[in-house]
């Protein structure tokens, strides 16, 4: 898999290192000559010094053979241009842009560019951890369109002792796995939930809070 990462800052180094460790063919594009020299010394990846929003630089980075382009520049408009150029000019099948301003995520999506906001992701993690102590893990996936939540049920949870078929959950909500005494169960309607069970819940963002309240009783 060939991945082109365009941008700067510490994230560039760690992403490059992470992808390279997985065996990906990684190309980093950065405008700063000094940073390019440092990255070339510290990483076993190809580093190209130039503007990733320039067609010739992307061509030099091998965009025509790339499987994915990730744009993480400090300016959102640069990330949008990079992804649009990679997609429309070079036919890169997967482009993802960092939206430093979370309000731009929806705009990018409307323009056909997959986007993510670290502000939204971190904010969601902090909010859910602060509000519900039972949540031990919260992972947004699909650019934030789906939440996968791991919950440890208390003994007095409102769903404890009830079968799944009797628990009315919001639309687009799924109890995917129940872990009991260290053993995973893929549940059916006649499976019950018990205190101390670990429940893996899949929801969409708009019904996430309501589903958590039903499972944990928080906010009753």
Foldseek 3Di string as FASTA:
>chain_A
DEEEEEADDPVQLVVQQVCVVVVYQYEYEEQDPVVQVVSVVVHPHHYHHDQLLDLVSCVVSVLLPHQEYEYEHPDQVSLLSNQCCSCVVRNRPYYEYEDQPVVCQVVSVVVVHHYAYPCVVVVVVVVVVVQDVQWPDWDQDPRNFKIKTKGQEAQVFPQAPHFQLPQDADPQKDFQWKADPNRIDRDDRRDGHHHRIITIMMHGPVRVVVRVCSGHVRPD
